[in-house]
Amino acid sequence: MKEFWESRYKAPAFAYGTRPNEFFQEQIDKIPPGKLLLPAEGEGRNAVYAARKGWDVTAFDFSMQAMLKTFQLAERYDVTLNYTVQDIAKFEPNGVAYDAIGLFFAHFPPTLRKTFHQKLPTMLKKSGYVWLEAFHPNQLYYSSGGPKEKEMLLTLEDLEMEFKDLNILMLEDRIIELDEGPYHQGKAHVVRMIATKTD
């Protein structure tokens, strides 16, 4: 799997474009800048947008090529951010608490995903947010991107269970039109969540 992503991100073009995810942009534009964590951030489109808005951004991915593309995009916009290459299973916040955590099309095998999701409340400040957009299992009927393994796709019930320690403010599944680089194009079935830490 790592080889697949290294190959995809090595191409000169940005696989998912350079504009931020629309749902991410909507949410981050509503609140003042703070500390932001972006796991599995890929080529940095969301991280660079947040840095341009004044956020203190920490991002990571397990692809070296993704990190190189992120720094290329950051240089284009003359911003700095903290981006490292690491495995999501080994990520530790090292005492840092975040004002927001963004998970955008961050798909993993179920056991790894559940373990990571359930750690997120410990990484949030009180009143901090988790924003998430991912593909629904019905995405298998669409050709606009995403994993082809059903177990890596997310239902509303998955999110309710895996984020039960947070206050879920919004949870929906819907059909959207993706226009995010060459690999996210066309109608797609996604789930979206906004959750916050209340204590």
Protein backbone atom coordinates (compact mmCIF):
# COMPACT_ATOMS: atom_id res chain seq x y z
CA MET A 1 0.00 0.00 0.00
CA LYS A 2 2.83 2.41 0.84
CA GLU A 3 4.37 1.77 -2.59
CA PHE A 4 1.03 2.62 -4.24
CA TRP A 5 0.88 6.02 -2.55
CA GLU A 6 4.54 6.81 -3.16
CA SER A 7 3.96 6.15 -6.86
CA ARG A 8 0.79 8.22 -7.00
CA TYR A 9 2.31 11.21 -5.22
CA LYS A 10 5.54 11.06 -7.21
CA ALA A 11 3.76 12.27 -10.36
CA PRO A 12 4.28 15.98 -11.08
CA ALA A 13 0.56 16.80 -10.91
CA PHE A 14 -1.17 17.03 -7.54
CA ALA A 15 -3.29 13.89 -7.32
CA TYR A 16 -6.16 15.61 -5.46
CA GLY A 17 -5.55 19.17 -6.57
CA THR A 18 -4.14 22.13 -4.66
CA ARG A 19 -7.40 23.68 -3.44
CA PRO A 20 -8.59 22.71 0.05
CA ASN A 21 -11.42 20.25 0.52
CA GLU A 22 -14.67 22.26 0.38
CA PHE A 23 -16.09 20.93 3.66
CA PHE A 24 -12.78 21.58 5.42
CA GLN A 25 -12.64 25.12 4.06
CA GLU A 26 -16.22 25.82 5.19
CA GLN A 27 -15.43 24.72 8.75
CA ILE A 28 -12.02 26.28 9.24
CA ASP A 29 -13.19 29.63 7.90
CA LYS A 30 -15.74 29.83 10.76
CA ILE A 31 -13.35 29.86 13.72
CA PRO A 32 -10.23 31.80 14.74
CA PRO A 33 -6.82 30.22 14.07
CA GLY A 34 -5.27 27.88 16.62
CA LYS A 35 -3.45 24.56 16.60
CA LEU A 36 -4.54 22.14 13.88
CA LEU A 37 -3.75 18.45 13.35
CA LEU A 38 -4.18 16.87 9.90
CA PRO A 39 -3.45 13.11 9.88
CA ALA A 40 -2.98 11.31 6.54
CA GLU A 41 -2.74 14.74 4.90
CA GLY A 42 -1.36 13.63 1.55
CA GLU A 43 0.03 16.44 -0.60
CA GLY A 44 -0.90 19.21 1.79
CA ARG A 45 -3.78 21.08 0.16
CA ASN A 46 -5.66 21.46 3.46
CA ALA A 47 -2.52 22.06 5.53
CA VAL A 48 -1.28 24.86 3.28
CA TYR A 49 -4.69 26.53 3.18
CA ALA A 50 -4.85 26.47 7.00
CA ALA A 51 -1.32 27.88 7.28
CA ARG A 52 -2.30 30.69 4.92
CA LYS A 53 -5.17 31.49 7.33
CA GLY A 54 -2.76 31.76 10.25
CA TRP A 55 -3.17 28.31 11.80
CA ASP A 56 -0.31 26.49 13.54
CA VAL A 57 -0.43 23.31 11.46
CA THR A 58 0.86 19.84 12.31
CA ALA A 59 0.36 17.27 9.55
CA PHE A 60 1.68 13.84 8.69
CA ASP A 61 1.41 11.03 6.18
CA PHE A 62 3.31 7.80 5.67
CA SER A 63 4.43 8.87 2.19
CA MET A 64 7.73 10.67 1.68
CA GLN A 65 6.52 11.88 -1.74
CA ALA A 66 3.42 13.39 -0.10
CA MET A 67 5.62 15.38 2.26
CA LEU A 68 7.80 16.65 -0.61
CA LYS A 69 4.72 17.77 -2.54
CA THR A 70 3.39 19.52 0.58
CA PHE A 71 6.58 21.52 1.00
CA GLN A 72 6.48 22.39 -2.70
CA LEU A 73 2.94 23.77 -2.25
CA ALA A 74 3.88 25.55 0.98
CA GLU A 75 6.78 27.27 -0.79
CA ARG A 76 4.42 28.42 -3.54
CA TYR A 77 2.33 30.25 -0.93
CA ASP A 78 5.26 31.23 1.31
CA VAL A 79 3.95 29.51 4.45
CA THR A 80 5.51 27.16 6.98
CA LEU A 81 4.02 24.15 8.72
CA ASN A 82 5.14 21.06 10.62
CA TYR A 83 4.86 18.01 8.36
CA THR A 84 6.43 14.62 9.13
CA VAL A 85 6.48 11.16 7.61
CA GLN A 86 5.04 8.64 10.04
CA ASP A 87 2.61 5.77 10.47
CA ILE A 88 -0.78 6.68 11.92
CA ALA A 89 -0.52 3.70 14.29
CA LYS A 90 2.56 5.26 15.92
CA PHE A 91 1.49 8.89 16.08
CA GLU A 92 1.64 10.50 19.52
CA PRO A 93 0.73 14.13 20.23
CA ASN A 94 3.53 14.46 22.81
CA GLY A 95 1.45 16.56 25.13
CA VAL A 96 0.12 18.94 22.47
CA ALA A 97 -3.63 19.61 22.53
CA TYR A 98 -5.26 20.80 19.31
CA ASP A 99 -8.06 23.27 18.64
CA ALA A 100 -9.13 21.21 15.64
CA ILE A 101 -8.38 17.87 13.99
CA GLY A 102 -9.29 17.28 10.36
CA LEU A 103 -9.73 13.84 8.79
CA PHE A 104 -10.41 14.04 5.07
CA PHE A 105 -10.64 10.82 3.08
CA ALA A 106 -8.36 9.18 5.66
CA HIS A 107 -9.27 5.53 5.07
CA PHE A 108 -7.65 2.69 7.01
CA PRO A 109 -8.33 -0.96 7.90
CA PRO A 110 -11.07 -1.06 10.58
CA THR A 111 -8.95 -2.04 13.59
CA LEU A 112 -6.36 0.66 12.93
CA ARG A 113 -9.04 3.24 12.18
CA LYS A 114 -11.07 2.53 15.34
CA THR A 115 -7.98 2.67 17.55
CA PHE A 116 -6.91 6.00 16.11
CA HIS A 117 -10.37 7.55 16.17
CA GLN A 118 -10.79 6.63 19.83
CA LYS A 119 -7.50 8.36 20.70
CA LEU A 120 -8.55 11.66 19.17
CA PRO A 121 -10.46 13.07 22.20
CA THR A 122 -7.22 12.92 24.20
CA MET A 123 -5.57 15.14 21.56
CA LEU A 124 -8.24 17.87 21.63
CA LYS A 125 -8.54 20.96 23.76
CA LYS A 126 -11.85 21.47 25.51
CA SER A 127 -14.30 22.86 22.92
CA GLY A 128 -11.96 21.66 20.15
CA TYR A 129 -13.41 20.21 16.95
CA VAL A 130 -13.05 17.09 14.84
CA TRP A 131 -14.06 17.58 11.21
CA LEU A 132 -14.35 14.49 9.02
CA GLU A 133 -15.31 13.66 5.47
CA ALA A 134 -14.94 10.14 4.11
CA PHE A 135 -16.46 7.80 1.58
CA HIS A 136 -19.63 5.83 2.43
CA PRO A 137 -19.86 2.12 1.45
CA ASN A 138 -22.20 3.14 -1.39
CA GLN A 139 -19.18 4.86 -2.94
CA LEU A 140 -18.41 1.45 -4.42
CA TYR A 141 -21.15 2.22 -6.97
CA TYR A 142 -19.34 5.39 -8.09
CA SER A 143 -16.13 5.88 -10.04
CA SER A 144 -15.05 9.17 -8.45
CA GLY A 145 -12.38 7.74 -6.13
CA GLY A 146 -11.85 5.98 -2.84
CA PRO A 147 -10.89 2.51 -1.62
CA LYS A 148 -12.46 -0.52 -3.26
CA GLU A 149 -12.54 -2.47 0.02
CA LYS A 150 -15.92 -2.04 1.72
CA GLU A 151 -14.47 -2.46 5.22
CA MET A 152 -12.37 0.70 4.74
CA LEU A 153 -15.45 2.83 4.03
CA LEU A 154 -17.48 4.54 6.76
CA THR A 155 -21.13 4.54 7.78
CA LEU A 156 -22.89 6.97 10.13
CA GLU A 157 -23.15 4.13 12.63
CA ASP A 158 -19.36 3.65 12.51
CA LEU A 159 -18.84 7.31 13.31
CA GLU A 160 -21.39 7.34 16.14
CA MET A 161 -19.62 4.39 17.76
CA GLU A 162 -16.03 5.47 17.16
CA PHE A 163 -16.59 9.06 18.34
CA LYS A 164 -18.94 8.30 21.22
CA ASP A 165 -16.66 10.21 23.62
CA LEU A 166 -17.27 13.46 21.70
CA ASN A 167 -20.40 15.55 21.27
CA ILE A 168 -21.46 15.04 17.66
CA LEU A 169 -22.91 18.29 16.34
CA MET A 170 -23.52 17.21 12.75
CA LEU A 171 -23.57 13.81 11.09
CA GLU A 172 -24.78 13.17 7.57
CA ASP A 173 -24.33 11.11 4.47
CA ARG A 174 -24.97 12.72 1.13
CA ILE A 175 -24.21 12.71 -2.57
CA ILE A 176 -21.78 15.44 -3.59
CA GLU A 177 -19.93 16.44 -6.74
CA LEU A 178 -16.18 16.03 -6.31
CA ASP A 179 -13.72 18.20 -8.22
CA GLU A 180 -10.41 17.55 -6.47
CA GLY A 181 -7.61 16.82 -8.91
CA PRO A 182 -7.55 13.88 -11.31
CA TYR A 183 -8.45 11.18 -8.75
CA HIS A 184 -11.53 12.75 -7.12
CA GLN A 185 -13.88 13.65 -9.95
CA GLY A 186 -17.65 13.26 -10.25
CA LYS A 187 -20.56 12.22 -8.07
CA ALA A 188 -19.60 10.65 -4.76
CA HIS A 189 -21.36 9.31 -1.66
CA VAL A 190 -19.71 10.67 1.47
CA VAL A 191 -20.22 10.89 5.20
CA ARG A 192 -19.52 14.13 7.06
CA MET A 193 -19.13 14.81 10.77
CA ILE A 194 -18.54 17.76 13.07
CA ALA A 195 -17.85 16.82 16.69
CA THR A 196 -16.56 18.71 19.70
CA LYS A 197 -15.03 17.96 23.08
CA THR A 198 -17.23 19.16 25.93
CA ASP A 199 -15.14 18.12 28.96
